[in-house]
Amino acid sequence: MGLSLDGVGLVHANGYRALRGIDLRIAPGERVALIGASGAGKTTLLRVLAASLRPTEGRLRVLDGEPWAASPAALRRLRARIGLVHQAAPIPPRQRVVTAVLAGRLGRWPLWKSLASLIVPADADGARRELARLDLAERLYERCDRLSGGQLQRVALARVLYQQPDLLLADEPVAAMDPALSELTVALLNEEAARRGVTLVASLHAVDLALRHFPRVVGVKDGAILFDLPAPRVGDALLRELYAAEGAVPESETDTLAPVDRSPLRCA
């Protein structure tokens, strides 16, 4: 159940071309990092892979199916098999943490169970188990607007872990975390993907994390793929070319967003 993109391009309604001629193959169980400057197209590419954004050209196959050739019901079923960790977690501020985590299974639950879970959580133990992997079990019944940005990112990750998707996507999942938390969180994502044998694609602003934790690294520049290489072959010259517009190769996420989450995290 892999991914393939053949000549995929995307032009937004305002005429801005976000992706151009993307050719990419990702085999089942591969772990791939996307790197590149801000605005390079990494988030757009992940949304295309998540079947939440329709390309304007080219052919896309996700989990060996063509999302935009499927019926609405089949598309909903496909999306339920895809987990996307957003950079800014789309979690209602007044929602309880337990409800936010259990939302990972909404695509698989019948409507009655989803509605009942808003009142009495359907699987509080399951939510607590995933939160414990991220050292947030004690926040199970806390409101999300009382958490830091980094803690919210961990709640969003717990939701995807609880979902147990066949395809795991992550868009700058450690942007609000300090270096130690970032390291452990990226390691946890890779451990989860390896343990379950699922495909992982993550965009990272921190090049050092990408090179340490991912066997394969794809450099995205101006909506196109500049290189697609095993991590050991990504050298300084390629990185300088990739980040030429920024003037420097970023090493850490911690200067991009504030406040930074410095609470402890232990990987299970």
C-alpha atoms as a PDB file:
ATOM      1  CA  MET A   1       0.000   0.000   0.000  1.00  0.00           C
ATOM      2  CA  GLY A   2       2.332   2.693  -1.262  1.00  0.00           C
ATOM      3  CA  LEU A   3       2.204   6.206  -2.646  1.00  0.00           C
ATOM      4  CA  SER A   4       2.866   7.415  -6.157  1.00  0.00           C
ATOM      5  CA  LEU A   5       2.716  10.824  -7.807  1.00  0.00           C
ATOM      6  CA  ASP A   6       3.171  11.247 -11.541  1.00  0.00           C
ATOM      7  CA  GLY A   7       3.528  14.801 -12.824  1.00  0.00           C
ATOM      8  CA  VAL A   8       1.437  16.150  -9.949  1.00  0.00           C
ATOM      9  CA  GLY A   9       0.911  19.899  -9.937  1.00  0.00           C
ATOM     10  CA  LEU A  10      -1.350  22.210  -8.002  1.00  0.00           C
ATOM     11  CA  VAL A  11      -2.439  25.750  -8.779  1.00  0.00           C
ATOM     12  CA  HIS A  12      -4.462  27.576  -6.132  1.00  0.00           C
ATOM     13  CA  ALA A  13      -7.620  29.505  -6.986  1.00  0.00           C
ATOM     14  CA  ASN A  14      -5.640  32.773  -6.865  1.00  0.00           C
ATOM     15  CA  GLY A  15      -3.331  31.506  -9.624  1.00  0.00           C
ATOM     16  CA  TYR A  16      -0.371  30.697  -7.370  1.00  0.00           C
ATOM     17  CA  ARG A  17       1.389  27.494  -8.411  1.00  0.00           C
ATOM     18  CA  ALA A  18       2.236  25.557  -5.250  1.00  0.00           C
ATOM     19  CA  LEU A  19       3.418  22.280  -6.824  1.00  0.00           C
ATOM     20  CA  ARG A  20       4.943  21.614 -10.226  1.00  0.00           C
ATOM     21  CA  GLY A  21       5.661  18.279 -11.909  1.00  0.00           C
ATOM     22  CA  ILE A  22       6.070  16.156  -8.783  1.00  0.00           C
ATOM     23  CA  ASP A  23       7.184  12.590  -9.536  1.00  0.00           C
ATOM     24  CA  LEU A  24       7.545  10.536  -6.381  1.00  0.00           C
ATOM     25  CA  ARG A  25       7.318   6.884  -5.333  1.00  0.00           C
ATOM     26  CA  ILE A  26       7.172   5.826  -1.697  1.00  0.00           C
ATOM     27  CA  ALA A  27       7.016   2.121  -0.940  1.00  0.00           C
ATOM     28  CA  PRO A  28       4.930   0.634   1.880  1.00  0.00           C
ATOM     29  CA  GLY A  29       6.690   1.019   5.225  1.00  0.00           C
ATOM     30  CA  GLU A  30       9.197   3.624   4.033  1.00  0.00           C
ATOM     31  CA  ARG A  31      10.083   6.557   6.262  1.00  0.00           C
ATOM     32  CA  VAL A  32      10.710   9.778   4.328  1.00  0.00           C
ATOM     33  CA  ALA A  33      11.531  13.318   5.477  1.00  0.00           C
ATOM     34  CA  LEU A  34      10.607  16.380   3.434  1.00  0.00           C
ATOM     35  CA  ILE A  35      12.893  19.368   3.929  1.00  0.00           C
ATOM     36  CA  GLY A  36      13.035  22.794   2.344  1.00  0.00           C
ATOM     37  CA  ALA A  37      12.577  26.492   2.984  1.00  0.00           C
ATOM     38  CA  SER A  38       9.333  27.963   4.251  1.00  0.00           C
ATOM     39  CA  GLY A  39       6.845  28.220   1.382  1.00  0.00           C
ATOM     40  CA  ALA A  40       8.611  25.548  -0.679  1.00  0.00           C
ATOM     41  CA  GLY A  41       5.447  23.435  -0.958  1.00  0.00           C
ATOM     42  CA  LYS A  42       6.000  20.826   1.771  1.00  0.00           C
ATOM     43  CA  THR A  43       2.653  21.407   3.513  1.00  0.00           C
ATOM     44  CA  THR A  44       0.789  21.424   0.191  1.00  0.00           C
ATOM     45  CA  LEU A  45       2.452  18.149  -0.776  1.00  0.00           C
ATOM     46  CA  LEU A  46       1.425  16.550   2.521  1.00  0.00           C
ATOM     47  CA  ARG A  47      -2.170  17.731   2.083  1.00  0.00           C
ATOM     48  CA  VAL A  48      -2.196  16.201  -1.388  1.00  0.00           C
ATOM     49  CA  LEU A  49      -0.912  12.913   0.060  1.00  0.00           C
ATOM     50  CA  ALA A  50      -3.618  13.125   2.737  1.00  0.00           C
ATOM     51  CA  ALA A  51      -6.279  13.336  -0.012  1.00  0.00           C
ATOM     52  CA  SER A  52      -7.489  16.610   1.458  1.00  0.00           C
ATOM     53  CA  LEU A  53      -6.274  18.757  -1.435  1.00  0.00           C
ATOM     54  CA  ARG A  54      -6.963  17.788  -5.044  1.00  0.00           C
ATOM     55  CA  PRO A  55      -4.135  18.229  -7.574  1.00  0.00           C
ATOM     56  CA  THR A  56      -4.947  20.268 -10.649  1.00  0.00           C
ATOM     57  CA  GLU A  57      -2.781  18.043 -12.845  1.00  0.00           C
ATOM     58  CA  GLY A  58      -1.050  14.682 -12.842  1.00  0.00           C
ATOM     59  CA  ARG A  59      -1.959  11.348 -11.295  1.00  0.00           C
ATOM     60  CA  LEU A  60      -2.019  10.465  -7.603  1.00  0.00           C
ATOM     61  CA  ARG A  61      -2.282   7.064  -5.942  1.00  0.00           C
ATOM     62  CA  VAL A  62      -2.547   6.789  -2.149  1.00  0.00           C
ATOM     63  CA  LEU A  63      -2.554   3.421  -0.379  1.00  0.00           C
ATOM     64  CA  ASP A  64      -2.864   1.888  -3.856  1.00  0.00           C
ATOM     65  CA  GLY A  65      -6.082   3.751  -4.632  1.00  0.00           C
ATOM     66  CA  GLU A  66      -6.887   6.866  -6.654  1.00  0.00           C
ATOM     67  CA  PRO A  67      -8.650   9.225  -4.221  1.00  0.00           C
ATOM     68  CA  TRP A  68     -10.199  11.528  -6.787  1.00  0.00           C
ATOM     69  CA  ALA A  69     -11.534   8.693  -8.925  1.00  0.00           C
ATOM     70  CA  ALA A  70     -13.293   7.137  -5.928  1.00  0.00           C
ATOM     71  CA  SER A  71     -16.866   7.587  -4.780  1.00  0.00           C
ATOM     72  CA  PRO A  72     -17.518   9.985  -1.866  1.00  0.00           C
ATOM     73  CA  ALA A  73     -17.995   7.016   0.482  1.00  0.00           C
ATOM     74  CA  ALA A  74     -14.758   5.377  -0.674  1.00  0.00           C
ATOM     75  CA  LEU A  75     -12.902   8.677  -0.272  1.00  0.00           C
ATOM     76  CA  ARG A  76     -14.157   8.957   3.326  1.00  0.00           C
ATOM     77  CA  ARG A  77     -12.961   5.424   4.037  1.00  0.00           C
ATOM     78  CA  LEU A  78      -9.552   6.208   2.540  1.00  0.00           C
ATOM     79  CA  ARG A  79      -9.178   9.363   4.616  1.00  0.00           C
ATOM     80  CA  ALA A  80     -10.003   7.371   7.752  1.00  0.00           C
ATOM     81  CA  ARG A  81      -6.872   5.317   7.027  1.00  0.00           C
ATOM     82  CA  ILE A  82      -4.631   8.393   6.825  1.00  0.00           C
ATOM     83  CA  GLY A  83      -3.330  10.196   9.904  1.00  0.00           C
ATOM     84  CA  LEU A  84      -2.041  13.759   9.530  1.00  0.00           C
ATOM     85  CA  VAL A  85      -0.297  15.594  12.360  1.00  0.00           C
ATOM     86  CA  HIS A  86      -0.742  19.311  11.655  1.00  0.00           C
ATOM     87  CA  GLN A  87       1.804  21.948  12.594  1.00  0.00           C
ATOM     88  CA  ALA A  88      -0.967  23.969  14.259  1.00  0.00           C
ATOM     89  CA  ALA A  89      -3.306  21.336  15.651  1.00  0.00           C
ATOM     90  CA  PRO A  90      -6.947  22.000  14.579  1.00  0.00           C
ATOM     91  CA  ILE A  91      -8.309  21.303  18.069  1.00  0.00           C
ATOM     92  CA  PRO A  92     -11.237  23.338  19.485  1.00  0.00           C
ATOM     93  CA  PRO A  93      -9.832  25.284  22.476  1.00  0.00           C
ATOM     94  CA  ARG A  94     -12.648  24.347  24.866  1.00  0.00           C
ATOM     95  CA  GLN A  95     -12.439  20.645  24.000  1.00  0.00           C
ATOM     96  CA  ARG A  96     -11.097  18.237  26.592  1.00  0.00           C
ATOM     97  CA  VAL A  97      -7.856  16.431  25.823  1.00  0.00           C
ATOM     98  CA  VAL A  98      -9.535  13.012  26.023  1.00  0.00           C
ATOM     99  CA  THR A  99     -12.100  14.064  23.399  1.00  0.00           C
ATOM    100  CA  ALA A 100      -9.364  15.440  21.126  1.00  0.00           C
ATOM    101  CA  VAL A 101      -7.443  12.157  21.251  1.00  0.00           C
ATOM    102  CA  LEU A 102     -10.507   9.955  20.726  1.00  0.00           C
ATOM    103  CA  ALA A 103     -11.342  12.019  17.620  1.00  0.00           C
ATOM    104  CA  GLY A 104      -8.689   9.933  15.899  1.00  0.00           C
ATOM    105  CA  ARG A 105     -11.230   7.105  15.551  1.00  0.00           C
ATOM    106  CA  LEU A 106     -14.244   9.183  14.456  1.00  0.00           C
ATOM    107  CA  GLY A 107     -13.805   8.099  10.849  1.00  0.00           C
ATOM    108  CA  ARG A 108     -14.257   4.467  11.904  1.00  0.00           C
ATOM    109  CA  TRP A 109     -16.953   4.806  14.558  1.00  0.00           C
ATOM    110  CA  PRO A 110     -20.695   4.886  13.840  1.00  0.00           C
ATOM    111  CA  LEU A 111     -22.367   8.259  14.351  1.00  0.00           C
ATOM    112  CA  TRP A 112     -24.100   7.226  17.587  1.00  0.00           C
ATOM    113  CA  LYS A 113     -20.794   6.237  19.199  1.00  0.00           C
ATOM    114  CA  SER A 114     -19.113   9.486  18.135  1.00  0.00           C
ATOM    115  CA  LEU A 115     -21.916  11.572  19.627  1.00  0.00           C
ATOM    116  CA  ALA A 116     -22.113   9.523  22.829  1.00  0.00           C
ATOM    117  CA  SER A 117     -18.341   9.853  23.297  1.00  0.00           C
ATOM    118  CA  LEU A 118     -18.694  13.632  23.547  1.00  0.00           C
ATOM    119  CA  ILE A 119     -20.593  13.078  26.806  1.00  0.00           C
ATOM    120  CA  VAL A 120     -18.921   9.950  28.182  1.00  0.00           C
ATOM    121  CA  PRO A 121     -15.566   9.159  26.529  1.00  0.00           C
ATOM    122  CA  ALA A 122     -15.864   5.855  24.689  1.00  0.00           C
ATOM    123  CA  ASP A 123     -12.294   4.726  25.390  1.00  0.00           C
ATOM    124  CA  ALA A 124     -10.667   6.884  28.059  1.00  0.00           C
ATOM    125  CA  ASP A 125      -8.136   4.150  28.820  1.00  0.00           C
ATOM    126  CA  GLY A 126      -7.033   4.065  25.188  1.00  0.00           C
ATOM    127  CA  ALA A 127      -6.602   7.835  25.104  1.00  0.00           C
ATOM    128  CA  ARG A 128      -4.674   7.759  28.391  1.00  0.00           C
ATOM    129  CA  ARG A 129      -2.377   5.052  27.040  1.00  0.00           C
ATOM    130  CA  GLU A 130      -1.338   7.130  24.023  1.00  0.00           C
ATOM    131  CA  LEU A 131      -0.974  10.283  26.094  1.00  0.00           C
ATOM    132  CA  ALA A 132       1.246   8.381  28.542  1.00  0.00           C
ATOM    133  CA  ARG A 133       3.682   7.667  25.705  1.00  0.00           C
ATOM    134  CA  LEU A 134       4.022  11.451  25.416  1.00  0.00           C
ATOM    135  CA  ASP A 135       4.065  12.198  29.164  1.00  0.00           C
ATOM    136  CA  LEU A 136       0.644  13.860  29.049  1.00  0.00           C
ATOM    137  CA  ALA A 137      -1.533  11.253  30.772  1.00  0.00           C
ATOM    138  CA  GLU A 138      -2.207  13.601  33.691  1.00  0.00           C
ATOM    139  CA  ARG A 139      -3.809  16.094  31.273  1.00  0.00           C
ATOM    140  CA  LEU A 140      -6.481  13.617  30.116  1.00  0.00           C
ATOM    141  CA  TYR A 141      -9.497  15.655  31.253  1.00  0.00           C
ATOM    142  CA  GLU A 142      -7.965  19.122  30.954  1.00  0.00           C
ATOM    143  CA  ARG A 143      -9.250  21.679  28.459  1.00  0.00           C
ATOM    144  CA  CYS A 144      -7.026  22.137  25.435  1.00  0.00           C
ATOM    145  CA  ASP A 145      -6.894  25.931  25.806  1.00  0.00           C
ATOM    146  CA  ARG A 146      -4.906  25.416  29.013  1.00  0.00           C
ATOM    147  CA  LEU A 147      -2.053  23.683  27.220  1.00  0.00           C
ATOM    148  CA  SER A 148       1.072  25.165  25.670  1.00  0.00           C
ATOM    149  CA  GLY A 149       1.666  25.042  21.927  1.00  0.00           C
ATOM    150  CA  GLY A 150       4.067  22.139  22.291  1.00  0.00           C
ATOM    151  CA  GLN A 151       1.650  20.227  24.498  1.00  0.00           C
ATOM    152  CA  LEU A 152      -1.091  20.720  21.902  1.00  0.00           C
ATOM    153  CA  GLN A 153       1.234  19.295  19.270  1.00  0.00           C
ATOM    154  CA  ARG A 154       1.715  16.239  21.470  1.00  0.00           C
ATOM    155  CA  VAL A 155      -2.060  15.888  21.907  1.00  0.00           C
ATOM    156  CA  ALA A 156      -2.397  15.975  18.110  1.00  0.00           C
ATOM    157  CA  LEU A 157       0.274  13.281  17.856  1.00  0.00           C
ATOM    158  CA  ALA A 158      -1.526  11.178  20.497  1.00  0.00           C
ATOM    159  CA  ARG A 159      -4.698  11.467  18.408  1.00  0.00           C
ATOM    160  CA  VAL A 160      -2.943  10.082  15.336  1.00  0.00           C
ATOM    161  CA  LEU A 161      -1.272   7.321  17.372  1.00  0.00           C
ATOM    162  CA  TYR A 162      -4.713   6.361  18.698  1.00  0.00           C
ATOM    163  CA  GLN A 163      -6.104   6.390  15.166  1.00  0.00           C
ATOM    164  CA  GLN A 164      -3.540   3.759  14.065  1.00  0.00           C
ATOM    165  CA  PRO A 165      -3.569   4.845  10.418  1.00  0.00           C
ATOM    166  CA  ASP A 166      -2.112   2.942   7.479  1.00  0.00           C
ATOM    167  CA  LEU A 167      -0.365   6.134   6.334  1.00  0.00           C
ATOM    168  CA  LEU A 168       1.225   8.499   8.855  1.00  0.00           C
ATOM    169  CA  LEU A 169       1.868  12.083   7.746  1.00  0.00           C
ATOM    170  CA  ALA A 170       3.344  14.840   9.899  1.00  0.00           C
ATOM    171  CA  ASP A 171       3.649  18.543   9.040  1.00  0.00           C
ATOM    172  CA  GLU A 172       6.359  20.202  11.153  1.00  0.00           C
ATOM    173  CA  PRO A 173       5.262  18.119  14.183  1.00  0.00           C
ATOM    174  CA  VAL A 174       7.884  19.569  16.559  1.00  0.00           C
ATOM    175  CA  ALA A 175       7.764  23.258  15.631  1.00  0.00           C
ATOM    176  CA  ALA A 176       6.862  24.405  19.171  1.00  0.00           C
ATOM    177  CA  MET A 177       9.205  22.059  21.054  1.00  0.00           C
ATOM    178  CA  ASP A 178      12.705  22.488  22.391  1.00  0.00           C
ATOM    179  CA  PRO A 179      15.559  20.375  20.931  1.00  0.00           C
ATOM    180  CA  ALA A 180      15.300  17.540  23.481  1.00  0.00           C
ATOM    181  CA  LEU A 181      11.528  17.171  23.049  1.00  0.00           C
ATOM    182  CA  SER A 182      11.884  17.429  19.276  1.00  0.00           C
ATOM    183  CA  GLU A 183      14.431  14.625  19.226  1.00  0.00           C
ATOM    184  CA  LEU A 184      12.287  12.302  21.323  1.00  0.00           C
ATOM    185  CA  THR A 185       9.094  13.098  19.421  1.00  0.00           C
ATOM    186  CA  VAL A 186      10.618  12.447  16.002  1.00  0.00           C
ATOM    187  CA  ALA A 187      12.130   9.232  17.382  1.00  0.00           C
ATOM    188  CA  LEU A 188       8.673   8.180  18.629  1.00  0.00           C
ATOM    189  CA  LEU A 189       7.121   8.796  15.205  1.00  0.00           C
ATOM    190  CA  ASN A 190       9.761   6.633  13.572  1.00  0.00           C
ATOM    191  CA  GLU A 191       9.432   3.902  16.207  1.00  0.00           C
ATOM    192  CA  GLU A 192       5.654   3.807  15.725  1.00  0.00           C
ATOM    193  CA  ALA A 193       5.979   3.586  11.936  1.00  0.00           C
ATOM    194  CA  ALA A 194       8.607   0.850  12.168  1.00  0.00           C
ATOM    195  CA  ARG A 195       6.674  -1.117  14.793  1.00  0.00           C
ATOM    196  CA  ARG A 196       3.459  -1.158  12.765  1.00  0.00           C
ATOM    197  CA  GLY A 197       5.131  -1.329   9.353  1.00  0.00           C
ATOM    198  CA  VAL A 198       3.315   1.760   8.075  1.00  0.00           C
ATOM    199  CA  THR A 199       4.533   4.503   5.782  1.00  0.00           C
ATOM    200  CA  LEU A 200       5.714   7.741   7.420  1.00  0.00           C
ATOM    201  CA  VAL A 201       6.220  11.036   5.580  1.00  0.00           C
ATOM    202  CA  ALA A 202       7.154  14.062   7.689  1.00  0.00           C
ATOM    203  CA  SER A 203       8.128  17.616   6.818  1.00  0.00           C
ATOM    204  CA  LEU A 204      10.807  19.040   9.090  1.00  0.00           C
ATOM    205  CA  HIS A 205      12.407  22.451   9.263  1.00  0.00           C
ATOM    206  CA  ALA A 206      15.218  21.004  11.385  1.00  0.00           C
ATOM    207  CA  VAL A 207      17.602  19.404   8.910  1.00  0.00           C
ATOM    208  CA  ASP A 208      19.611  17.667  11.622  1.00  0.00           C
ATOM    209  CA  LEU A 209      16.523  15.758  12.795  1.00  0.00           C
ATOM    210  CA  ALA A 210      15.684  14.701   9.246  1.00  0.00           C
ATOM    211  CA  LEU A 211      19.177  13.401   8.573  1.00  0.00           C
ATOM    212  CA  ARG A 212      19.441  11.537  11.883  1.00  0.00           C
ATOM    213  CA  HIS A 213      16.064   9.835  11.952  1.00  0.00           C
ATOM    214  CA  PHE A 214      14.987   9.226   8.341  1.00  0.00           C
ATOM    215  CA  PRO A 215      16.621   6.839   5.873  1.00  0.00           C
ATOM    216  CA  ARG A 216      15.390   8.894   2.890  1.00  0.00           C
ATOM    217  CA  VAL A 217      15.264  12.668   2.492  1.00  0.00           C
ATOM    218  CA  VAL A 218      13.427  14.634  -0.196  1.00  0.00           C
ATOM    219  CA  GLY A 219      14.381  18.267  -0.764  1.00  0.00           C
ATOM    220  CA  VAL A 220      11.509  20.473  -1.934  1.00  0.00           C
ATOM    221  CA  LYS A 221      12.176  23.856  -3.529  1.00  0.00           C
ATOM    222  CA  ASP A 222       9.747  26.190  -5.325  1.00  0.00           C
ATOM    223  CA  GLY A 223       7.077  23.484  -5.490  1.00  0.00           C
ATOM    224  CA  ALA A 224       9.354  20.901  -7.131  1.00  0.00           C
ATOM    225  CA  ILE A 225      11.676  18.134  -5.965  1.00  0.00           C
ATOM    226  CA  LEU A 226      15.294  19.267  -5.957  1.00  0.00           C
ATOM    227  CA  PHE A 227      16.688  15.933  -4.733  1.00  0.00           C
ATOM    228  CA  ASP A 228      15.510  12.553  -3.439  1.00  0.00           C
ATOM    229  CA  LEU A 229      18.360  10.711  -1.731  1.00  0.00           C
ATOM    230  CA  PRO A 230      19.375   8.414   1.113  1.00  0.00           C
ATOM    231  CA  ALA A 231      20.137  10.611   4.128  1.00  0.00           C
ATOM    232  CA  PRO A 232      23.934   9.939   4.120  1.00  0.00           C
ATOM    233  CA  ARG A 233      24.165  11.349   0.573  1.00  0.00           C
ATOM    234  CA  VAL A 234      22.617  14.733   1.446  1.00  0.00           C
ATOM    235  CA  GLY A 235      25.660  16.960   1.659  1.00  0.00           C
ATOM    236  CA  ASP A 236      26.335  20.608   2.422  1.00  0.00           C
ATOM    237  CA  ALA A 237      26.332  21.692  -1.226  1.00  0.00           C
ATOM    238  CA  LEU A 238      22.819  20.336  -1.781  1.00  0.00           C
ATOM    239  CA  LEU A 239      21.585  21.934   1.425  1.00  0.00           C
ATOM    240  CA  ARG A 240      23.052  25.315   0.465  1.00  0.00           C
ATOM    241  CA  GLU A 241      21.241  25.098  -2.869  1.00  0.00           C
ATOM    242  CA  LEU A 242      18.003  24.041  -1.186  1.00  0.00           C
ATOM    243  CA  TYR A 243      18.056  26.909   1.306  1.00  0.00           C
ATOM    244  CA  ALA A 244      19.732  29.519  -0.916  1.00  0.00           C
ATOM    245  CA  ALA A 245      16.822  31.962  -0.536  1.00  0.00           C
ATOM    246  CA  GLU A 246      16.985  31.716   3.263  1.00  0.00           C
ATOM    247  CA  GLY A 247      20.714  32.365   3.398  1.00  0.00           C
ATOM    248  CA  ALA A 248      21.415  29.609   5.932  1.00  0.00           C
ATOM    249  CA  VAL A 249      20.591  25.994   6.619  1.00  0.00           C
ATOM    250  CA  PRO A 250      18.240  25.781   9.604  1.00  0.00           C
ATOM    251  CA  GLU A 251      19.348  23.397  12.344  1.00  0.00           C
ATOM    252  CA  SER A 252      16.501  23.617  14.840  1.00  0.00           C
ATOM    253  CA  GLU A 253      12.781  24.259  15.012  1.00  0.00           C
ATOM    254  CA  THR A 254      12.988  26.205  18.219  1.00  0.00           C
ATOM    255  CA  ASP A 255      13.360  29.672  16.722  1.00  0.00           C
ATOM    256  CA  THR A 256      10.275  29.367  14.512  1.00  0.00           C
ATOM    257  CA  LEU A 257       7.411  29.397  16.973  1.00  0.00           C
ATOM    258  CA  ALA A 258       6.858  30.512  20.546  1.00  0.00           C
ATOM    259  CA  PRO A 259       6.278  29.550  23.278  1.00  0.00           C
ATOM    260  CA  VAL A 260       8.521  26.492  23.190  1.00  0.00           C
ATOM    261  CA  ASP A 261       7.410  23.407  25.118  1.00  0.00           C
ATOM    262  CA  ARG A 262      10.137  22.325  27.547  1.00  0.00           C
ATOM    263  CA  SER A 263       8.139  19.839  29.622  1.00  0.00           C
ATOM    264  CA  PRO A 264       9.655  16.319  29.769  1.00  0.00           C
ATOM    265  CA  LEU A 265       8.867  13.515  27.376  1.00  0.00           C
ATOM    266  CA  ARG A 266       9.897   9.877  27.588  1.00  0.00           C
ATOM    267  CA  CYS A 267       9.380   7.611  24.597  1.00  0.00           C
ATOM    268  CA  ALA A 268       7.642   4.326  25.336  1.00  0.00           C
END
